[in-house]
C-alpha cells in the first residue's frame, strides 16, 4: 500500500507543526524511544562473537559501521518487542518496516543509522530513485522513521519523525551508492530526542570545529560536549564562538527537558 504524505500540498513553513503533531499522536512516545535506544546501544556493545575460549567482545573488534547499524536495528526491534509484545515486533519480510506496530501497521517505523562523522543520515542509492511501478517496490519508503547517529562506540543523536520517498536525493556521481536528505527534512520533519547521552559527543563533530580547533579544545582538556558543559574556566574567544554556534545542540544535552 502506498502511503499518503501528510505534507502533501503543504508549504514548508507548516512542516514542523505537522511533524510535532505526528510525533505527539504516535504510539511510540519519545521517552520510551530514548530509553529503548539507550538500552539497546548498551546491550549491543556487550555482545560477544564466537564461543568459549575463542570468543571476543564486539567492542574489541574493528566492526564496520554498517554492521554495527544492522545489529543495532535488530536488537532495537527485539527490545521493544520484549517490552510490549502485543504492540511491537520486528520485520518478518522484506515488505515490512523494521518496526511493525501490530494494532495498526500504517504506524510502523523504518530505522536508519549512520556511523559517519556528523549528524546526517543516508540510504542506499535506491532510496533516491523512483520506480516506474511503485507497486513493485518491496518496502514503502514513505512513513515514520527513527534515525540514529553514532561515531565509533558513541551514540550521538536520536531523531523521530517522517520521511517521504521524495525526500531522498541520490548522489550525483554515476558511481555514487548513497542517497541523502535535504536540509529542510532535518530541520522540519525529524525531531531530535534530547538527553544526557549527547554529552559524550566529540567536539570534533560540532559545527565549525576542524582539526586545528579540535586541538585547541584538547589543549585545555575539552574532548566532548560534556567537557564543555562542565568547564569552569574562561574559554578563549574562538572557542566561545564555537560554543555559541552550537548552543541549541548543547541545550539538548540534558534529561531534564520534556519529551
C-alpha atoms as a PDB file:
ATOM      1  CA  UNK A   1       0.000   0.000   0.000  1.00  0.00           C
ATOM      2  CA  UNK A   2       1.323   3.414  -0.973  1.00  0.00           C
ATOM      3  CA  UNK A   3       1.248   5.816   1.989  1.00  0.00           C
ATOM      4  CA  UNK A   4      -0.178   9.299   1.507  1.00  0.00           C
ATOM      5  CA  UNK A   5       2.068  12.060   2.797  1.00  0.00           C
ATOM      6  CA  UNK A   6       0.644  14.405   5.482  1.00  0.00           C
ATOM      7  CA  UNK A   7       2.903  17.095   3.990  1.00  0.00           C
ATOM      8  CA  UNK A   8       1.404  16.883   0.512  1.00  0.00           C
ATOM      9  CA  UNK A   9       0.427  20.329  -0.722  1.00  0.00           C
ATOM     10  CA  UNK A  10       1.591  21.982   2.498  1.00  0.00           C
ATOM     11  CA  UNK A  11       4.137  24.834   2.473  1.00  0.00           C
ATOM     12  CA  UNK A  12       7.491  24.211   4.133  1.00  0.00           C
ATOM     13  CA  UNK A  13       6.595  26.754   6.816  1.00  0.00           C
ATOM     14  CA  UNK A  14       3.955  24.290   8.136  1.00  0.00           C
ATOM     15  CA  UNK A  15       6.129  21.166   8.134  1.00  0.00           C
ATOM     16  CA  UNK A  16       7.463  21.440  11.685  1.00  0.00           C
ATOM     17  CA  UNK A  17       3.973  21.765  13.137  1.00  0.00           C
ATOM     18  CA  UNK A  18       2.824  18.725  11.161  1.00  0.00           C
ATOM     19  CA  UNK A  19       5.820  16.718  12.391  1.00  0.00           C
ATOM     20  CA  UNK A  20       5.257  17.677  16.015  1.00  0.00           C
ATOM     21  CA  UNK A  21       1.636  16.578  15.733  1.00  0.00           C
ATOM     22  CA  UNK A  22       2.576  13.272  14.092  1.00  0.00           C
ATOM     23  CA  UNK A  23       5.107  12.521  16.835  1.00  0.00           C
ATOM     24  CA  UNK A  24       2.709  13.551  19.620  1.00  0.00           C
ATOM     25  CA  UNK A  25      -0.033  11.253  18.271  1.00  0.00           C
ATOM     26  CA  UNK A  26       2.218   8.261  17.579  1.00  0.00           C
ATOM     27  CA  UNK A  27       2.014   5.267  19.981  1.00  0.00           C
ATOM     28  CA  UNK A  28       5.811   5.176  20.373  1.00  0.00           C
ATOM     29  CA  UNK A  29       6.406   8.014  22.811  1.00  0.00           C
ATOM     30  CA  UNK A  30       9.759   9.845  22.798  1.00  0.00           C
ATOM     31  CA  UNK A  31      10.590   8.930  26.419  1.00  0.00           C
ATOM     32  CA  UNK A  32      10.165   5.228  25.618  1.00  0.00           C
ATOM     33  CA  UNK A  33      12.073   5.575  22.356  1.00  0.00           C
ATOM     34  CA  UNK A  34      15.042   7.153  24.147  1.00  0.00           C
ATOM     35  CA  UNK A  35      15.031   4.514  26.864  1.00  0.00           C
ATOM     36  CA  UNK A  36      14.849   1.638  24.381  1.00  0.00           C
ATOM     37  CA  UNK A  37      17.569   3.087  22.150  1.00  0.00           C
ATOM     38  CA  UNK A  38      19.939   3.642  25.087  1.00  0.00           C
ATOM     39  CA  UNK A  39      19.318   0.144  26.461  1.00  0.00           C
ATOM     40  CA  UNK A  40      19.844  -1.366  23.003  1.00  0.00           C
ATOM     41  CA  UNK A  41      23.066   0.586  22.464  1.00  0.00           C
ATOM     42  CA  UNK A  42      24.417  -0.672  25.787  1.00  0.00           C
ATOM     43  CA  UNK A  43      23.352  -4.245  25.013  1.00  0.00           C
ATOM     44  CA  UNK A  44      24.972  -4.118  21.583  1.00  0.00           C
ATOM     45  CA  UNK A  45      28.442  -3.472  22.980  1.00  0.00           C
ATOM     46  CA  UNK A  46      28.090  -6.309  25.489  1.00  0.00           C
ATOM     47  CA  UNK A  47      27.733  -8.737  22.577  1.00  0.00           C
ATOM     48  CA  UNK A  48      30.405 -11.379  22.035  1.00  0.00           C
ATOM     49  CA  UNK A  49      31.287 -13.169  18.816  1.00  0.00           C
ATOM     50  CA  UNK A  50      32.153 -16.860  18.967  1.00  0.00           C
ATOM     51  CA  UNK A  51      32.016 -19.161  21.983  1.00  0.00           C
ATOM     52  CA  UNK A  52      34.239 -20.454  24.739  1.00  0.00           C
ATOM     53  CA  UNK A  53      37.930 -19.653  24.673  1.00  0.00           C
ATOM     54  CA  UNK A  54      37.857 -18.116  21.199  1.00  0.00           C
ATOM     55  CA  UNK A  55      35.012 -15.677  21.886  1.00  0.00           C
ATOM     56  CA  UNK A  56      35.738 -11.974  21.521  1.00  0.00           C
ATOM     57  CA  UNK A  57      33.795  -8.904  22.546  1.00  0.00           C
ATOM     58  CA  UNK A  58      32.252  -6.806  19.797  1.00  0.00           C
ATOM     59  CA  UNK A  59      33.798  -3.708  21.365  1.00  0.00           C
ATOM     60  CA  UNK A  60      37.254  -5.222  20.797  1.00  0.00           C
ATOM     61  CA  UNK A  61      36.673  -5.670  17.073  1.00  0.00           C
ATOM     62  CA  UNK A  62      37.023  -3.081  14.327  1.00  0.00           C
ATOM     63  CA  UNK A  63      33.458  -3.620  13.093  1.00  0.00           C
ATOM     64  CA  UNK A  64      32.283  -1.629  10.036  1.00  0.00           C
ATOM     65  CA  UNK A  65      29.610   0.951  10.886  1.00  0.00           C
ATOM     66  CA  UNK A  66      27.127  -0.729   8.539  1.00  0.00           C
ATOM     67  CA  UNK A  67      27.394  -3.962  10.547  1.00  0.00           C
ATOM     68  CA  UNK A  68      27.034  -2.077  13.841  1.00  0.00           C
ATOM     69  CA  UNK A  69      23.934  -0.392  12.425  1.00  0.00           C
ATOM     70  CA  UNK A  70      22.418  -3.685  11.323  1.00  0.00           C
ATOM     71  CA  UNK A  71      22.964  -5.363  14.705  1.00  0.00           C
ATOM     72  CA  UNK A  72      21.561  -2.285  16.440  1.00  0.00           C
ATOM     73  CA  UNK A  73      18.387  -2.284  14.322  1.00  0.00           C
ATOM     74  CA  UNK A  74      17.752  -5.979  15.015  1.00  0.00           C
ATOM     75  CA  UNK A  75      18.325  -5.586  18.762  1.00  0.00           C
ATOM     76  CA  UNK A  76      16.182  -2.443  18.944  1.00  0.00           C
ATOM     77  CA  UNK A  77      13.226  -4.279  17.428  1.00  0.00           C
ATOM     78  CA  UNK A  78      13.732  -7.202  19.819  1.00  0.00           C
ATOM     79  CA  UNK A  79      13.986  -4.904  22.854  1.00  0.00           C
ATOM     80  CA  UNK A  80      10.744  -3.122  22.012  1.00  0.00           C
ATOM     81  CA  UNK A  81       9.011  -6.438  21.262  1.00  0.00           C
ATOM     82  CA  UNK A  82      10.231  -7.801  24.614  1.00  0.00           C
ATOM     83  CA  UNK A  83       8.735  -4.816  26.454  1.00  0.00           C
ATOM     84  CA  UNK A  84       5.446  -4.597  24.558  1.00  0.00           C
ATOM     85  CA  UNK A  85       4.866  -7.894  22.714  1.00  0.00           C
ATOM     86  CA  UNK A  86       1.222  -7.136  21.911  1.00  0.00           C
ATOM     87  CA  UNK A  87       2.147  -3.862  20.207  1.00  0.00           C
ATOM     88  CA  UNK A  88       5.547  -4.241  18.552  1.00  0.00           C
ATOM     89  CA  UNK A  89       7.579  -6.799  16.661  1.00  0.00           C
ATOM     90  CA  UNK A  90      10.457  -6.830  14.228  1.00  0.00           C
ATOM     91  CA  UNK A  91      10.165  -7.200  10.484  1.00  0.00           C
ATOM     92  CA  UNK A  92       9.444 -10.699   9.176  1.00  0.00           C
ATOM     93  CA  UNK A  93       9.608  -9.982   5.448  1.00  0.00           C
ATOM     94  CA  UNK A  94      11.220  -7.551   3.021  1.00  0.00           C
ATOM     95  CA  UNK A  95       7.861  -5.864   2.529  1.00  0.00           C
ATOM     96  CA  UNK A  96       7.531  -4.845   6.202  1.00  0.00           C
ATOM     97  CA  UNK A  97       9.037  -1.885   8.024  1.00  0.00           C
ATOM     98  CA  UNK A  98      11.817  -2.575  10.544  1.00  0.00           C
ATOM     99  CA  UNK A  99       9.451  -1.997  13.479  1.00  0.00           C
ATOM    100  CA  UNK A 100       5.926  -3.280  12.944  1.00  0.00           C
ATOM    101  CA  UNK A 101       3.132  -1.752  15.035  1.00  0.00           C
ATOM    102  CA  UNK A 102       0.775  -4.719  15.343  1.00  0.00           C
ATOM    103  CA  UNK A 103      -2.522  -2.894  16.119  1.00  0.00           C
ATOM    104  CA  UNK A 104      -2.138  -0.525  13.134  1.00  0.00           C
ATOM    105  CA  UNK A 105       0.600  -1.366  10.584  1.00  0.00           C
ATOM    106  CA  UNK A 106       0.391   2.097   8.987  1.00  0.00           C
ATOM    107  CA  UNK A 107       2.153   3.376  12.130  1.00  0.00           C
ATOM    108  CA  UNK A 108       5.085   1.010  11.626  1.00  0.00           C
ATOM    109  CA  UNK A 109       8.567   2.533  11.584  1.00  0.00           C
ATOM    110  CA  UNK A 110      11.689   2.311   9.469  1.00  0.00           C
ATOM    111  CA  UNK A 111      15.076   2.584  11.230  1.00  0.00           C
ATOM    112  CA  UNK A 112      18.086   4.319   9.687  1.00  0.00           C
ATOM    113  CA  UNK A 113      21.525   4.551  11.257  1.00  0.00           C
ATOM    114  CA  UNK A 114      24.755   6.274  10.287  1.00  0.00           C
ATOM    115  CA  UNK A 115      28.219   5.791  11.752  1.00  0.00           C
ATOM    116  CA  UNK A 116      29.787   8.578   9.719  1.00  0.00           C
ATOM    117  CA  UNK A 117      31.134  11.722  11.382  1.00  0.00           C
ATOM    118  CA  UNK A 118      28.373  14.314  11.720  1.00  0.00           C
ATOM    119  CA  UNK A 119      24.616  14.103  12.032  1.00  0.00           C
ATOM    120  CA  UNK A 120      23.445  13.237   8.523  1.00  0.00           C
ATOM    121  CA  UNK A 121      21.541  10.081   7.578  1.00  0.00           C
ATOM    122  CA  UNK A 122      21.928   8.128   4.356  1.00  0.00           C
ATOM    123  CA  UNK A 123      20.005   5.485   2.462  1.00  0.00           C
ATOM    124  CA  UNK A 124      21.302   3.328  -0.340  1.00  0.00           C
ATOM    125  CA  UNK A 125      21.046   4.789  -3.831  1.00  0.00           C
ATOM    126  CA  UNK A 126      17.675   3.106  -4.459  1.00  0.00           C
ATOM    127  CA  UNK A 127      16.108   5.460  -1.876  1.00  0.00           C
ATOM    128  CA  UNK A 128      16.688   8.359  -4.232  1.00  0.00           C
ATOM    129  CA  UNK A 129      15.349   6.613  -7.317  1.00  0.00           C
ATOM    130  CA  UNK A 130      11.735   6.469  -8.404  1.00  0.00           C
ATOM    131  CA  UNK A 131      10.365   3.183  -9.619  1.00  0.00           C
ATOM    132  CA  UNK A 132       8.324   3.168 -12.803  1.00  0.00           C
ATOM    133  CA  UNK A 133       5.854   0.976 -10.934  1.00  0.00           C
ATOM    134  CA  UNK A 134       5.616   1.810  -7.229  1.00  0.00           C
ATOM    135  CA  UNK A 135       3.734  -1.450  -6.647  1.00  0.00           C
ATOM    136  CA  UNK A 136       6.933  -3.331  -7.471  1.00  0.00           C
ATOM    137  CA  UNK A 137       8.889  -1.619  -4.684  1.00  0.00           C
ATOM    138  CA  UNK A 138       9.379  -4.182  -1.908  1.00  0.00           C
ATOM    139  CA  UNK A 139       9.243  -1.730   1.008  1.00  0.00           C
ATOM    140  CA  UNK A 140       7.328   1.532   1.240  1.00  0.00           C
ATOM    141  CA  UNK A 141       9.888   4.314   1.743  1.00  0.00           C
ATOM    142  CA  UNK A 142       7.399   6.926   2.938  1.00  0.00           C
ATOM    143  CA  UNK A 143       6.413   6.969   6.590  1.00  0.00           C
ATOM    144  CA  UNK A 144       7.697   7.149  10.145  1.00  0.00           C
ATOM    145  CA  UNK A 145      11.445   6.913  10.754  1.00  0.00           C
ATOM    146  CA  UNK A 146      13.749   6.548  13.714  1.00  0.00           C
ATOM    147  CA  UNK A 147      17.213   7.823  12.808  1.00  0.00           C
ATOM    148  CA  UNK A 148      20.280   7.176  14.946  1.00  0.00           C
ATOM    149  CA  UNK A 149      23.747   8.656  14.546  1.00  0.00           C
ATOM    150  CA  UNK A 150      26.823   7.201  16.187  1.00  0.00           C
ATOM    151  CA  UNK A 151      30.576   7.596  15.918  1.00  0.00           C
ATOM    152  CA  UNK A 152      32.636   4.616  16.953  1.00  0.00           C
ATOM    153  CA  UNK A 153      31.004   3.381  20.160  1.00  0.00           C
ATOM    154  CA  UNK A 154      29.463   6.763  20.971  1.00  0.00           C
ATOM    155  CA  UNK A 155      25.751   7.382  20.396  1.00  0.00           C
ATOM    156  CA  UNK A 156      25.415  10.989  19.238  1.00  0.00           C
ATOM    157  CA  UNK A 157      21.828  11.655  18.136  1.00  0.00           C
ATOM    158  CA  UNK A 158      18.368  10.054  18.150  1.00  0.00           C
ATOM    159  CA  UNK A 159      15.602  11.507  15.977  1.00  0.00           C
ATOM    160  CA  UNK A 160      11.998  10.563  15.265  1.00  0.00           C
ATOM    161  CA  UNK A 161       9.723  11.828  12.533  1.00  0.00           C
ATOM    162  CA  UNK A 162       8.548  11.311   8.989  1.00  0.00           C
ATOM    163  CA  UNK A 163      10.412  10.985   5.697  1.00  0.00           C
ATOM    164  CA  UNK A 164       8.768  10.882   2.279  1.00  0.00           C
ATOM    165  CA  UNK A 165      10.242   8.792  -0.518  1.00  0.00           C
ATOM    166  CA  UNK A 166      10.768  12.002  -2.498  1.00  0.00           C
ATOM    167  CA  UNK A 167      12.924  13.484   0.284  1.00  0.00           C
ATOM    168  CA  UNK A 168      15.840  11.240  -0.664  1.00  0.00           C
ATOM    169  CA  UNK A 169      18.324  12.649  -3.196  1.00  0.00           C
ATOM    170  CA  UNK A 170      20.771  10.232  -4.858  1.00  0.00           C
ATOM    171  CA  UNK A 171      24.422  11.182  -5.190  1.00  0.00           C
ATOM    172  CA  UNK A 172      25.009  12.984  -8.468  1.00  0.00           C
ATOM    173  CA  UNK A 173      28.066  10.919  -9.405  1.00  0.00           C
ATOM    174  CA  UNK A 174      27.082   7.928 -11.595  1.00  0.00           C
ATOM    175  CA  UNK A 175      29.067   5.636  -9.274  1.00  0.00           C
ATOM    176  CA  UNK A 176      27.551   7.076  -6.070  1.00  0.00           C
ATOM    177  CA  UNK A 177      25.965   4.451  -3.861  1.00  0.00           C
ATOM    178  CA  UNK A 178      24.125   6.620  -1.312  1.00  0.00           C
ATOM    179  CA  UNK A 179      21.106   8.887  -1.120  1.00  0.00           C
ATOM    180  CA  UNK A 180      20.939  11.814   1.293  1.00  0.00           C
ATOM    181  CA  UNK A 181      18.256  14.096   2.703  1.00  0.00           C
ATOM    182  CA  UNK A 182      17.667  17.764   2.050  1.00  0.00           C
ATOM    183  CA  UNK A 183      18.389  20.203   4.901  1.00  0.00           C
ATOM    184  CA  UNK A 184      14.682  21.027   5.266  1.00  0.00           C
ATOM    185  CA  UNK A 185      13.966  17.401   6.194  1.00  0.00           C
ATOM    186  CA  UNK A 186      16.406  17.548   9.115  1.00  0.00           C
ATOM    187  CA  UNK A 187      15.017  20.907  10.254  1.00  0.00           C
ATOM    188  CA  UNK A 188      11.290  20.295   9.935  1.00  0.00           C
ATOM    189  CA  UNK A 189      10.494  16.581   9.574  1.00  0.00           C
ATOM    190  CA  UNK A 190      12.748  14.920  12.150  1.00  0.00           C
ATOM    191  CA  UNK A 191      12.506  15.760  15.865  1.00  0.00           C
ATOM    192  CA  UNK A 192      15.710  15.457  17.906  1.00  0.00           C
ATOM    193  CA  UNK A 193      15.364  13.478  21.133  1.00  0.00           C
ATOM    194  CA  UNK A 194      17.287  15.336  23.867  1.00  0.00           C
ATOM    195  CA  UNK A 195      19.202  13.644  26.645  1.00  0.00           C
ATOM    196  CA  UNK A 196      22.426  13.433  28.586  1.00  0.00           C
ATOM    197  CA  UNK A 197      23.588  10.705  26.177  1.00  0.00           C
ATOM    198  CA  UNK A 198      24.616  13.557  23.843  1.00  0.00           C
ATOM    199  CA  UNK A 199      27.244  14.759  26.323  1.00  0.00           C
ATOM    200  CA  UNK A 200      29.577  12.014  25.032  1.00  0.00           C
ATOM    201  CA  UNK A 201      29.633  13.558  21.540  1.00  0.00           C
ATOM    202  CA  UNK A 202      33.160  14.540  20.497  1.00  0.00           C
ATOM    203  CA  UNK A 203      33.788  18.267  19.992  1.00  0.00           C
ATOM    204  CA  UNK A 204      35.210  17.410  16.567  1.00  0.00           C
ATOM    205  CA  UNK A 205      31.614  16.741  15.419  1.00  0.00           C
ATOM    206  CA  UNK A 206      30.400  20.246  16.281  1.00  0.00           C
ATOM    207  CA  UNK A 207      29.765  22.866  13.622  1.00  0.00           C
ATOM    208  CA  UNK A 208      32.818  24.967  12.933  1.00  0.00           C
ATOM    209  CA  UNK A 209      35.288  22.536  14.505  1.00  0.00           C
ATOM    210  CA  UNK A 210      38.080  21.259  12.295  1.00  0.00           C
ATOM    211  CA  UNK A 211      41.329  19.543  13.297  1.00  0.00           C
ATOM    212  CA  UNK A 212      43.001  22.779  14.423  1.00  0.00           C
ATOM    213  CA  UNK A 213      40.043  23.892  16.535  1.00  0.00           C
ATOM    214  CA  UNK A 214      39.684  20.385  17.970  1.00  0.00           C
ATOM    215  CA  UNK A 215      43.336  20.578  19.063  1.00  0.00           C
ATOM    216  CA  UNK A 216      42.696  23.922  20.778  1.00  0.00           C
ATOM    217  CA  UNK A 217      39.859  22.374  22.777  1.00  0.00           C
ATOM    218  CA  UNK A 218      42.057  19.381  23.655  1.00  0.00           C
ATOM    219  CA  UNK A 219      44.817  21.669  24.959  1.00  0.00           C
ATOM    220  CA  UNK A 220      42.506  22.786  27.779  1.00  0.00           C
ATOM    221  CA  UNK A 221      41.152  19.292  28.448  1.00  0.00           C
ATOM    222  CA  UNK A 222      37.954  19.503  26.407  1.00  0.00           C
ATOM    223  CA  UNK A 223      37.214  16.473  24.235  1.00  0.00           C
ATOM    224  CA  UNK A 224      33.435  16.069  24.444  1.00  0.00           C
ATOM    225  CA  UNK A 225      30.273  18.151  24.767  1.00  0.00           C
ATOM    226  CA  UNK A 226      30.151  17.059  28.400  1.00  0.00           C
ATOM    227  CA  UNK A 227      33.585  18.590  28.920  1.00  0.00           C
ATOM    228  CA  UNK A 228      32.322  21.899  27.507  1.00  0.00           C
ATOM    229  CA  UNK A 229      29.277  21.910  29.765  1.00  0.00           C
ATOM    230  CA  UNK A 230      31.338  21.184  32.890  1.00  0.00           C
ATOM    231  CA  UNK A 231      34.239  23.508  32.058  1.00  0.00           C
ATOM    232  CA  UNK A 232      34.659  26.139  34.759  1.00  0.00           C
ATOM    233  CA  UNK A 233      37.397  28.298  33.301  1.00  0.00           C
ATOM    234  CA  UNK A 234      37.316  31.120  30.761  1.00  0.00           C
ATOM    235  CA  UNK A 235      37.227  29.915  27.174  1.00  0.00           C
ATOM    236  CA  UNK A 236      39.330  31.747  24.565  1.00  0.00           C
ATOM    237  CA  UNK A 237      37.208  33.864  22.208  1.00  0.00           C
ATOM    238  CA  UNK A 238      37.450  31.455  19.205  1.00  0.00           C
ATOM    239  CA  UNK A 239      36.176  28.603  21.380  1.00  0.00           C
ATOM    240  CA  UNK A 240      33.420  30.801  22.802  1.00  0.00           C
ATOM    241  CA  UNK A 241      32.215  31.399  19.245  1.00  0.00           C
ATOM    242  CA  UNK A 242      32.070  27.653  18.625  1.00  0.00           C
ATOM    243  CA  UNK A 243      30.010  27.197  21.778  1.00  0.00           C
ATOM    244  CA  UNK A 244      27.628  29.981  20.713  1.00  0.00           C
ATOM    245  CA  UNK A 245      27.262  28.487  17.220  1.00  0.00           C
ATOM    246  CA  UNK A 246      26.285  25.131  18.743  1.00  0.00           C
ATOM    247  CA  UNK A 247      24.210  26.499  21.627  1.00  0.00           C
ATOM    248  CA  UNK A 248      20.976  24.820  20.536  1.00  0.00           C
ATOM    249  CA  UNK A 249      22.661  21.415  20.480  1.00  0.00           C
ATOM    250  CA  UNK A 250      24.314  21.987  23.868  1.00  0.00           C
ATOM    251  CA  UNK A 251      20.972  22.867  25.430  1.00  0.00           C
ATOM    252  CA  UNK A 252      19.611  19.463  24.371  1.00  0.00           C
ATOM    253  CA  UNK A 253      22.230  17.504  26.324  1.00  0.00           C
ATOM    254  CA  UNK A 254      20.089  17.016  29.414  1.00  0.00           C
ATOM    255  CA  UNK A 255      17.455  14.567  30.615  1.00  0.00           C
ATOM    256  CA  UNK A 256      15.533  17.436  32.224  1.00  0.00           C
ATOM    257  CA  UNK A 257      13.856  18.579  29.007  1.00  0.00           C
ATOM    258  CA  UNK A 258      10.263  17.361  28.496  1.00  0.00           C
ATOM    259  CA  UNK A 259       9.723  14.597  25.941  1.00  0.00           C
END
